[in-house]
Protein backbone atom coordinates (compact mmCIF):
# COMPACT_ATOMS: atom_id res chain seq x y z
CA UNK A 1 -59.58 -58.56 14.63
CA UNK A 2 -59.35 -57.83 10.95
CA UNK A 3 -56.65 -55.17 11.23
CA UNK A 4 -54.65 -57.79 13.12
CA UNK A 5 -55.39 -60.32 10.33
CA UNK A 6 -53.95 -57.96 7.74
CA UNK A 7 -50.89 -57.34 9.92
CA UNK A 8 -50.28 -61.08 10.32
CA UNK A 9 -50.64 -61.68 6.57
CA UNK A 10 -48.33 -58.79 5.84
CA UNK A 11 -45.69 -60.30 8.13
CA UNK A 12 -46.10 -63.86 6.81
CA UNK A 13 -48.53 -64.64 3.99
CA UNK A 14 -47.75 -68.36 4.30
CA UNK A 15 -49.65 -68.72 7.58
CA UNK A 16 -52.52 -71.16 7.12
CA UNK A 17 -56.10 -70.23 7.92
CA UNK A 18 -55.85 -72.65 10.86
CA UNK A 19 -52.79 -70.84 12.23
CA UNK A 20 -54.39 -67.44 11.67
CA UNK A 21 -57.62 -68.56 13.35
CA UNK A 22 -55.70 -69.77 16.42
CA UNK A 23 -53.74 -66.51 16.62
CA UNK A 24 -56.91 -64.42 16.31
CA UNK A 25 -59.16 -66.63 18.45
CA UNK A 26 -61.58 -67.02 15.49
CA UNK A 27 -62.78 -69.97 13.43
CA UNK A 28 -61.04 -70.98 10.23
CA UNK A 29 -64.26 -70.18 8.36
CA UNK A 30 -64.32 -66.63 9.75
CA UNK A 31 -60.69 -66.09 8.74
CA UNK A 32 -61.17 -67.59 5.27
CA UNK A 33 -64.27 -65.44 4.75
CA UNK A 34 -62.44 -62.29 5.86
CA UNK A 35 -59.51 -63.03 3.54
CA UNK A 36 -61.88 -63.65 0.62
CA UNK A 37 -63.62 -60.32 1.31
CA UNK A 38 -60.30 -58.47 1.48
CA UNK A 39 -59.25 -60.03 -1.84
CA UNK A 40 -62.59 -59.18 -3.46
CA UNK A 41 -62.44 -55.58 -2.20
CA UNK A 42 -58.87 -55.15 -3.48
CA UNK A 43 -57.41 -54.67 0.00
CA UNK A 44 -55.25 -57.77 -0.48
CA UNK A 45 -53.67 -57.30 -3.91
CA UNK A 46 -51.50 -60.41 -4.02
CA UNK A 47 -49.01 -62.60 -2.23
CA UNK A 48 -45.29 -62.49 -2.87
CA UNK A 49 -42.17 -64.28 -1.67
CA UNK A 50 -39.27 -62.10 -0.54
CA UNK A 51 -36.16 -63.43 -2.31
CA UNK A 52 -32.56 -62.72 -1.32
CA UNK A 53 -31.34 -62.49 -4.94
CA UNK A 54 -27.73 -62.04 -3.83
CA UNK A 55 -27.75 -65.72 -2.84
CA UNK A 56 -29.29 -66.85 -6.13
CA UNK A 57 -28.32 -64.61 -9.02
CA UNK A 58 -25.35 -62.29 -9.03
CA UNK A 59 -26.58 -60.67 -12.26
CA UNK A 60 -29.45 -58.67 -10.79
CA UNK A 61 -29.23 -54.96 -10.12
CA UNK A 62 -31.73 -52.63 -8.46
CA UNK A 63 -32.03 -48.87 -8.24
CA UNK A 64 -34.20 -46.19 -6.69
CA UNK A 65 -34.86 -43.36 -9.12
CA UNK A 66 -36.05 -39.92 -8.08
CA UNK A 67 -38.11 -38.15 -10.74
CA UNK A 68 -39.15 -34.55 -11.00
CA UNK A 69 -42.11 -34.39 -13.34
CA UNK A 70 -44.51 -31.84 -14.73
CA UNK A 71 -48.03 -32.98 -13.82
CA UNK A 72 -50.73 -32.79 -16.50
CA UNK A 73 -53.62 -30.38 -16.09
CA UNK A 74 -56.70 -32.14 -14.66
CA UNK A 75 -54.78 -35.45 -14.43
CA UNK A 76 -52.05 -34.55 -11.97
CA UNK A 77 -49.34 -37.13 -11.47
CA UNK A 78 -51.59 -40.12 -12.23
CA UNK A 79 -51.00 -40.10 -15.99
CA UNK A 80 -47.19 -40.12 -15.84
CA UNK A 81 -47.21 -42.63 -12.97
CA UNK A 82 -49.49 -44.88 -15.04
CA UNK A 83 -47.10 -44.73 -18.00
CA UNK A 84 -44.08 -45.49 -15.83
CA UNK A 85 -45.84 -48.46 -14.17
CA UNK A 86 -46.18 -50.15 -17.58
CA UNK A 87 -42.42 -50.69 -17.99
CA UNK A 88 -41.35 -54.27 -17.16
CA UNK A 89 -38.25 -52.98 -15.33
CA UNK A 90 -40.38 -51.04 -12.83
CA UNK A 91 -41.23 -52.74 -9.54
CA UNK A 92 -42.74 -49.81 -7.63
CA UNK A 93 -43.86 -46.22 -8.20
CA UNK A 94 -44.59 -43.80 -5.35
CA UNK A 95 -45.82 -40.20 -5.25
CA UNK A 96 -43.53 -38.37 -2.82
CA UNK A 97 -43.41 -35.16 -0.86
CA UNK A 98 -40.21 -33.15 -0.71
CA UNK A 99 -37.56 -32.46 -3.33
CA UNK A 100 -38.86 -34.78 -6.04
CA UNK A 101 -42.26 -35.98 -7.21
CA UNK A 102 -42.03 -39.72 -7.92
CA UNK A 103 -39.82 -42.48 -6.55
CA UNK A 104 -39.40 -45.47 -8.84
CA UNK A 105 -37.79 -48.78 -7.90
CA UNK A 106 -36.42 -50.71 -10.89
CA UNK A 107 -34.61 -53.98 -11.54
CA UNK A 108 -32.29 -55.08 -14.32
CA UNK A 109 -29.56 -57.62 -14.95
CA UNK A 110 -26.82 -55.01 -14.56
CA UNK A 111 -26.32 -51.40 -13.50
CA UNK A 112 -25.58 -50.59 -17.14
CA UNK A 113 -28.95 -52.04 -18.19
CA UNK A 114 -30.71 -49.84 -15.62
CA UNK A 115 -28.72 -46.80 -16.76
CA UNK A 116 -29.80 -47.45 -20.36
CA UNK A 117 -33.43 -47.82 -19.24
CA UNK A 118 -33.28 -44.46 -17.47
CA UNK A 119 -31.52 -42.76 -20.38
CA UNK A 120 -33.54 -44.19 -23.28
CA UNK A 121 -37.00 -44.84 -21.87
CA UNK A 122 -37.63 -43.05 -18.59
CA UNK A 123 -35.95 -39.67 -19.06
CA UNK A 124 -37.42 -39.29 -22.56
CA UNK A 125 -41.03 -39.27 -21.34
CA UNK A 126 -42.67 -35.89 -21.98
CA UNK A 127 -43.49 -35.06 -18.36
CA UNK A 128 -40.09 -36.03 -16.90
CA UNK A 129 -38.04 -32.96 -16.01
CA UNK A 130 -35.09 -34.67 -14.25
CA UNK A 131 -33.94 -37.97 -12.80
CA UNK A 132 -31.52 -39.03 -10.07
CA UNK A 133 -30.57 -42.71 -9.98
CA UNK A 134 -29.38 -44.40 -6.78
CA UNK A 135 -28.11 -47.96 -7.24
CA UNK A 136 -28.83 -50.40 -4.43
CA UNK A 137 -25.52 -52.01 -3.51
CA UNK A 138 -26.62 -54.27 -0.63
CA UNK A 139 -30.04 -54.97 0.83
CA UNK A 140 -29.66 -55.51 4.56
CA UNK A 141 -33.37 -55.55 5.37
CA UNK A 142 -36.27 -55.69 2.93
CA UNK A 143 -39.98 -56.05 3.59
CA UNK A 144 -39.25 -56.22 7.31
CA UNK A 145 -36.93 -59.21 6.87
CA UNK A 146 -33.20 -59.14 7.66
CA UNK A 147 -31.55 -60.64 4.59
CA UNK A 148 -27.94 -61.00 5.68
CA UNK A 149 -27.74 -62.16 9.30
CA UNK A 150 -24.50 -61.26 11.06
CA UNK A 151 -23.15 -64.84 10.97
CA UNK A 152 -23.30 -64.82 7.15
CA UNK A 153 -21.54 -61.47 6.84
CA UNK A 154 -19.07 -61.16 3.97
CA UNK A 155 -15.80 -60.06 5.56
CA UNK A 156 -14.72 -58.31 2.33
CA UNK A 157 -17.36 -55.67 3.04
CA UNK A 158 -15.95 -54.94 6.49
CA UNK A 159 -14.00 -51.74 6.99
CA UNK A 160 -11.60 -51.46 9.90
CA UNK A 161 -11.19 -48.07 11.52
CA UNK A 162 -8.47 -47.16 14.03
């Protein structure tokens, strides 16, 4: 039951305990108790609305940044990841396998602001060997939610091919 509870909350954190209880065939008290335990144990770390910022604020830019870093002896990647997490611009930090070590998702008002952040603050950190910045131009789906349904499609983004 509880794995299903976490899945339901992940899909829609606005479901009430009554709705969750009905979906899981449990009592509201059982669901509320399970949620409280997950919160206490740090399994549930918070609740967040998924905003389609393109419909609200045109002055918001996002980027995914690949970082190659030199891990510290006895501390691995944790120390540099911890330093990067402290920047207000940083939304997410992930340890990766493959061609780079860390993936960092950042936000700013403009692409220029993000570029300045990478140049002045991120790339100057001692452990950072190289960066590759990929600006997010359009979010089609985020957090499992389709943000721009076909009927709202901006025709200026369409490309005709013969």
